[in-house]
Amino acid sequence: MLTALWHLCAAIRGYLRFYMPTNRAVDWLRTPRGLKWAIPVALIATPTYLGLTALTIQGAARPGLGGLNVLVFLFFWNAMKFVWMALLSLPLMAGRALRRIGDPRVVNGG
């Protein structure tokens, strides 16, 4: 039973990792080419998602629209993903720069 649950969770995670737009954006931001864009993207996406969260909270407070609470959680979760990526981008960039400096194949900075 535990194995079946484990495989189901892995399948759901794989589906969400591949098809959900914010997961694809965060995956791209983790690449060497996308890492330099992590902070600018987070500066745009985070306030946008937090604004959508606020609007959805106001909508969910109305009678009969309690189902919007799922969107509240989703928008807030996406905002936190971009905040976390922005916070992690600086150490990741520094680590890659240090590894590049220590690489003996790199001569004269390039």
N, C-alpha and C. Protein backbone atom coordinates (compact mmCIF):
# COMPACT_ATOMS: atom_id res chain seq x y z
N MET A 1 0.83 -1.20 0.00
CA MET A 1 0.00 0.00 0.00
C MET A 1 0.87 1.26 0.00
N LEU A 2 1.93 1.23 0.82
CA LEU A 2 2.82 2.38 0.89
C LEU A 2 3.54 2.58 -0.45
N THR A 3 3.90 1.50 -1.10
CA THR A 3 4.58 1.59 -2.39
C THR A 3 3.65 2.20 -3.44
N ALA A 4 2.40 1.78 -3.44
CA ALA A 4 1.44 2.33 -4.41
C ALA A 4 1.23 3.82 -4.17
N LEU A 5 1.15 4.22 -2.91
CA LEU A 5 1.00 5.63 -2.58
C LEU A 5 2.24 6.42 -3.00
N TRP A 6 3.40 5.84 -2.79
CA TRP A 6 4.66 6.49 -3.18
C TRP A 6 4.69 6.71 -4.70
N HIS A 7 4.31 5.69 -5.47
CA HIS A 7 4.32 5.82 -6.92
C HIS A 7 3.27 6.80 -7.41
N LEU A 8 2.12 6.84 -6.76
CA LEU A 8 1.09 7.81 -7.12
C LEU A 8 1.59 9.24 -6.88
N CYS A 9 2.22 9.45 -5.73
CA CYS A 9 2.76 10.79 -5.42
C CYS A 9 3.85 11.19 -6.41
N ALA A 10 4.70 10.24 -6.79
CA ALA A 10 5.75 10.52 -7.77
C ALA A 10 5.16 10.86 -9.13
N ALA A 11 4.10 10.18 -9.51
CA ALA A 11 3.46 10.45 -10.79
C ALA A 11 2.80 11.84 -10.79
N ILE A 12 2.14 12.18 -9.70
CA ILE A 12 1.51 13.50 -9.60
C ILE A 12 2.57 14.59 -9.62
N ARG A 13 3.66 14.38 -8.89
CA ARG A 13 4.74 15.37 -8.87
C ARG A 13 5.33 15.54 -10.26
N GLY A 14 5.56 14.44 -10.98
CA GLY A 14 6.10 14.53 -12.33
C GLY A 14 5.16 15.27 -13.27
N TYR A 15 3.87 15.01 -13.15
CA TYR A 15 2.90 15.71 -13.97
C TYR A 15 2.92 17.21 -13.68
N LEU A 16 2.87 17.57 -12.41
CA LEU A 16 2.86 18.99 -12.04
C LEU A 16 4.17 19.67 -12.40
N ARG A 17 5.28 18.97 -12.27
CA ARG A 17 6.59 19.55 -12.59
C ARG A 17 6.68 19.87 -14.08
N PHE A 18 6.05 19.04 -14.91
CA PHE A 18 6.18 19.22 -16.35
C PHE A 18 5.14 20.18 -16.93
N TYR A 19 3.92 20.15 -16.41
CA TYR A 19 2.84 20.88 -17.07
C TYR A 19 2.45 22.21 -16.42
N MET A 20 2.81 22.47 -15.18
CA MET A 20 2.41 23.72 -14.56
C MET A 20 3.40 24.84 -14.90
N PRO A 21 2.91 25.97 -15.37
CA PRO A 21 3.79 27.02 -15.89
C PRO A 21 4.79 27.56 -14.88
N THR A 22 4.39 27.75 -13.63
CA THR A 22 5.34 28.31 -12.67
C THR A 22 6.44 27.32 -12.34
N ASN A 23 6.13 26.03 -12.32
CA ASN A 23 7.17 25.04 -12.09
C ASN A 23 8.17 25.03 -13.23
N ARG A 24 7.69 25.17 -14.45
CA ARG A 24 8.60 25.23 -15.59
C ARG A 24 9.45 26.49 -15.54
N ALA A 25 8.86 27.61 -15.10
CA ALA A 25 9.62 28.85 -14.99
C ALA A 25 10.70 28.73 -13.92
N VAL A 26 10.37 28.16 -12.79
CA VAL A 26 11.35 27.99 -11.71
C VAL A 26 12.45 27.03 -12.15
N ASP A 27 12.10 25.98 -12.86
CA ASP A 27 13.12 25.06 -13.39
C ASP A 27 14.06 25.79 -14.34
N TRP A 28 13.52 26.65 -15.18
CA TRP A 28 14.36 27.41 -16.09
C TRP A 28 15.25 28.39 -15.33
N LEU A 29 14.70 29.00 -14.29
CA LEU A 29 15.49 29.95 -13.51
C LEU A 29 16.65 29.28 -12.77
N ARG A 30 16.59 27.98 -12.57
CA ARG A 30 17.69 27.27 -11.92
C ARG A 30 18.83 26.93 -12.88
N THR A 31 18.62 27.07 -14.18
CA THR A 31 19.67 26.77 -15.14
C THR A 31 20.70 27.90 -15.14
N PRO A 32 21.91 27.65 -15.66
CA PRO A 32 22.91 28.72 -15.71
C PRO A 32 22.47 29.93 -16.53
N ARG A 33 21.74 29.71 -17.62
CA ARG A 33 21.26 30.84 -18.43
C ARG A 33 20.15 31.60 -17.73
N GLY A 34 19.30 30.91 -16.99
CA GLY A 34 18.16 31.55 -16.36
C GLY A 34 18.45 32.14 -15.00
N LEU A 35 19.57 31.76 -14.42
CA LEU A 35 19.87 32.20 -13.05
C LEU A 35 20.01 33.71 -12.93
N LYS A 36 20.54 34.35 -13.96
CA LYS A 36 20.70 35.80 -13.91
C LYS A 36 19.36 36.53 -13.98
N TRP A 37 18.31 35.82 -14.40
CA TRP A 37 16.99 36.42 -14.50
C TRP A 37 16.12 36.15 -13.29
N ALA A 38 16.63 35.44 -12.31
CA ALA A 38 15.80 35.02 -11.17
C ALA A 38 15.29 36.22 -10.37
N ILE A 39 16.14 37.17 -10.08
CA ILE A 39 15.72 38.32 -9.26
C ILE A 39 14.76 39.23 -10.05
N PRO A 40 15.06 39.60 -11.32
CA PRO A 40 14.07 40.42 -12.04
C PRO A 40 12.71 39.74 -12.20
N VAL A 41 12.71 38.45 -12.47
CA VAL A 41 11.44 37.73 -12.60
C VAL A 41 10.70 37.72 -11.27
N ALA A 42 11.44 37.50 -10.18
CA ALA A 42 10.80 37.48 -8.85
C ALA A 42 10.25 38.85 -8.49
N LEU A 43 10.94 39.91 -8.90
CA LEU A 43 10.45 41.26 -8.60
C LEU A 43 9.15 41.58 -9.34
N ILE A 44 8.90 40.91 -10.42
CA ILE A 44 7.65 41.11 -11.16
C ILE A 44 6.59 40.10 -10.73
N ALA A 45 6.98 38.84 -10.63
CA ALA A 45 5.99 37.78 -10.37
C ALA A 45 5.47 37.79 -8.94
N THR A 46 6.33 38.07 -7.97
CA THR A 46 5.89 38.01 -6.57
C THR A 46 4.79 39.02 -6.25
N PRO A 47 4.97 40.32 -6.57
CA PRO A 47 3.85 41.24 -6.29
C PRO A 47 2.59 40.92 -7.09
N THR A 48 2.78 40.40 -8.30
CA THR A 48 1.62 40.03 -9.10
C THR A 48 0.83 38.93 -8.43
N TYR A 49 1.53 37.87 -8.01
CA TYR A 49 0.83 36.76 -7.35
C TYR A 49 0.26 37.17 -5.99
N LEU A 50 0.95 38.03 -5.27
CA LEU A 50 0.39 38.49 -3.98
C LEU A 50 -0.84 39.37 -4.21
N GLY A 51 -0.83 40.17 -5.27
CA GLY A 51 -2.02 40.95 -5.61
C GLY A 51 -3.19 40.06 -5.99
N LEU A 52 -2.91 39.02 -6.78
CA LEU A 52 -3.96 38.07 -7.11
C LEU A 52 -4.48 37.34 -5.87
N THR A 53 -3.56 37.08 -4.93
CA THR A 53 -3.97 36.45 -3.67
C THR A 53 -4.95 37.36 -2.93
N ALA A 54 -4.63 38.64 -2.85
CA ALA A 54 -5.50 39.59 -2.14
C ALA A 54 -6.87 39.69 -2.81
N LEU A 55 -6.87 39.75 -4.15
CA LEU A 55 -8.15 39.83 -4.85
C LEU A 55 -8.98 38.57 -4.65
N THR A 56 -8.32 37.43 -4.66
CA THR A 56 -9.04 36.18 -4.49
C THR A 56 -9.55 36.03 -3.06
N ILE A 57 -8.82 36.54 -2.09
CA ILE A 57 -9.30 36.51 -0.71
C ILE A 57 -10.59 37.32 -0.59
N GLN A 58 -10.62 38.49 -1.24
CA GLN A 58 -11.83 39.30 -1.20
C GLN A 58 -12.99 38.58 -1.88
N GLY A 59 -12.70 37.89 -2.97
CA GLY A 59 -13.76 37.15 -3.65
C GLY A 59 -14.23 35.96 -2.84
N ALA A 60 -13.30 35.27 -2.17
CA ALA A 60 -13.66 34.08 -1.39
C ALA A 60 -14.45 34.44 -0.13
N ALA A 61 -14.36 35.70 0.30
CA ALA A 61 -15.09 36.11 1.50
C ALA A 61 -16.59 36.27 1.22
N ARG A 62 -16.96 36.34 -0.02
CA ARG A 62 -18.38 36.47 -0.37
C ARG A 62 -19.09 35.14 -0.17
N PRO A 63 -20.36 35.19 0.17
CA PRO A 63 -21.12 33.95 0.38
C PRO A 63 -21.20 33.11 -0.89
N GLY A 64 -20.95 31.84 -0.73
CA GLY A 64 -21.07 30.91 -1.83
C GLY A 64 -19.83 30.77 -2.70
N LEU A 65 -18.78 31.52 -2.41
CA LEU A 65 -17.57 31.46 -3.23
C LEU A 65 -16.38 30.92 -2.43
N GLY A 66 -16.65 30.05 -1.49
CA GLY A 66 -15.58 29.50 -0.66
C GLY A 66 -14.61 28.62 -1.43
N GLY A 67 -15.01 28.16 -2.60
CA GLY A 67 -14.12 27.35 -3.43
C GLY A 67 -12.92 28.13 -3.95
N LEU A 68 -12.99 29.44 -3.88
CA LEU A 68 -11.86 30.27 -4.32
C LEU A 68 -10.68 30.18 -3.36
N ASN A 69 -10.90 29.59 -2.19
CA ASN A 69 -9.79 29.44 -1.25
C ASN A 69 -8.68 28.56 -1.81
N VAL A 70 -9.02 27.67 -2.72
CA VAL A 70 -7.99 26.87 -3.39
C VAL A 70 -7.10 27.78 -4.22
N LEU A 71 -7.68 28.75 -4.90
CA LEU A 71 -6.88 29.70 -5.67
C LEU A 71 -6.05 30.60 -4.77
N VAL A 72 -6.57 30.94 -3.60
CA VAL A 72 -5.79 31.73 -2.64
C VAL A 72 -4.51 31.00 -2.30
N PHE A 73 -4.64 29.73 -1.97
CA PHE A 73 -3.47 28.93 -1.63
C PHE A 73 -2.53 28.82 -2.82
N LEU A 74 -3.07 28.59 -4.01
CA LEU A 74 -2.25 28.42 -5.21
C LEU A 74 -1.46 29.69 -5.54
N PHE A 75 -2.13 30.84 -5.50
CA PHE A 75 -1.44 32.10 -5.80
C PHE A 75 -0.37 32.41 -4.76
N PHE A 76 -0.67 32.18 -3.49
CA PHE A 76 0.32 32.44 -2.45
C PHE A 76 1.50 31.48 -2.58
N TRP A 77 1.24 30.23 -2.88
CA TRP A 77 2.31 29.24 -3.05
C TRP A 77 3.23 29.63 -4.22
N ASN A 78 2.65 30.08 -5.32
CA ASN A 78 3.46 30.50 -6.46
C ASN A 78 4.29 31.73 -6.13
N ALA A 79 3.73 32.66 -5.38
CA ALA A 79 4.50 33.83 -4.96
C ALA A 79 5.69 33.42 -4.11
N MET A 80 5.48 32.48 -3.20
CA MET A 80 6.58 32.03 -2.34
C MET A 80 7.64 31.27 -3.12
N LYS A 81 7.24 30.58 -4.18
CA LYS A 81 8.23 29.89 -5.02
C LYS A 81 9.18 30.89 -5.66
N PHE A 82 8.65 32.00 -6.14
CA PHE A 82 9.50 33.00 -6.78
C PHE A 82 10.35 33.75 -5.75
N VAL A 83 9.81 33.99 -4.56
CA VAL A 83 10.61 34.61 -3.50
C VAL A 83 11.77 33.70 -3.14
N TRP A 84 11.49 32.43 -2.97
CA TRP A 84 12.53 31.47 -2.60
C TRP A 84 13.59 31.37 -3.70
N MET A 85 13.18 31.40 -4.95
CA MET A 85 14.14 31.34 -6.05
C MET A 85 15.02 32.57 -6.08
N ALA A 86 14.45 33.73 -5.79
CA ALA A 86 15.25 34.96 -5.76
C ALA A 86 16.27 34.90 -4.62
N LEU A 87 15.86 34.37 -3.47
CA LEU A 87 16.79 34.27 -2.34
C LEU A 87 17.90 33.26 -2.61
N LEU A 88 17.58 32.21 -3.33
CA LEU A 88 18.59 31.19 -3.62
C LEU A 88 19.49 31.55 -4.80
N SER A 89 19.09 32.49 -5.62
CA SER A 89 19.85 32.78 -6.83
C SER A 89 21.22 33.37 -6.52
N LEU A 90 21.32 34.22 -5.51
CA LEU A 90 22.63 34.82 -5.19
C LEU A 90 23.65 33.78 -4.73
N PRO A 91 23.33 32.89 -3.78
CA PRO A 91 24.31 31.85 -3.43
C PRO A 91 24.61 30.91 -4.59
N LEU A 92 23.62 30.60 -5.42
CA LEU A 92 23.87 29.73 -6.57
C LEU A 92 24.80 30.40 -7.57
N MET A 93 24.60 31.68 -7.82
CA MET A 93 25.49 32.40 -8.74
C MET A 93 26.90 32.49 -8.16
N ALA A 94 27.00 32.74 -6.87
CA ALA A 94 28.32 32.82 -6.23
C ALA A 94 29.03 31.47 -6.29
N GLY A 95 28.31 30.40 -6.04
CA GLY A 95 28.91 29.06 -6.10
C GLY A 95 29.39 28.72 -7.50
N ARG A 96 28.61 29.08 -8.50
CA ARG A 96 29.04 28.80 -9.87
C ARG A 96 30.24 29.65 -10.25
N ALA A 97 30.29 30.89 -9.77
CA ALA A 97 31.44 31.74 -10.06
C ALA A 97 32.70 31.19 -9.39
N LEU A 98 32.56 30.72 -8.16
CA LEU A 98 33.72 30.16 -7.46
C LEU A 98 34.20 28.87 -8.12
N ARG A 99 33.28 28.05 -8.58
CA ARG A 99 33.69 26.84 -9.29
C ARG A 99 34.38 27.17 -10.60
N ARG A 100 33.91 28.23 -11.23
CA ARG A 100 34.53 28.63 -12.50
C ARG A 100 35.92 29.19 -12.27
N ILE A 101 36.11 29.91 -11.17
CA ILE A 101 37.43 30.45 -10.85
C ILE A 101 38.41 29.31 -10.57
N GLY A 102 37.94 28.29 -9.89
CA GLY A 102 38.81 27.17 -9.54
C GLY A 102 39.03 26.18 -10.67
N ASP A 103 38.35 26.34 -11.79
CA ASP A 103 38.49 25.43 -12.92
C ASP A 103 39.80 25.69 -13.65
N PRO A 104 40.67 24.70 -13.76
CA PRO A 104 41.96 24.94 -14.41
C PRO A 104 41.82 25.13 -15.92
N ARG A 105 40.70 24.75 -16.52
CA ARG A 105 40.52 24.94 -17.95
C ARG A 105 40.25 26.40 -18.30
N VAL A 106 39.77 27.20 -17.33
CA VAL A 106 39.47 28.59 -17.57
C VAL A 106 40.75 29.39 -17.37
N VAL A 107 41.24 30.01 -18.43
CA VAL A 107 42.48 30.77 -18.37
C VAL A 107 42.17 32.22 -18.70
N ASN A 108 42.67 33.13 -17.91
CA ASN A 108 42.51 34.58 -18.12
C ASN A 108 41.05 35.00 -18.13
N GLY A 109 40.26 34.40 -17.27
CA GLY A 109 38.88 34.84 -17.09
C GLY A 109 37.94 34.45 -18.19
N GLY A 110 38.28 33.62 -19.11
CA GLY A 110 37.31 33.33 -20.13
C GLY A 110 37.57 32.12 -20.88
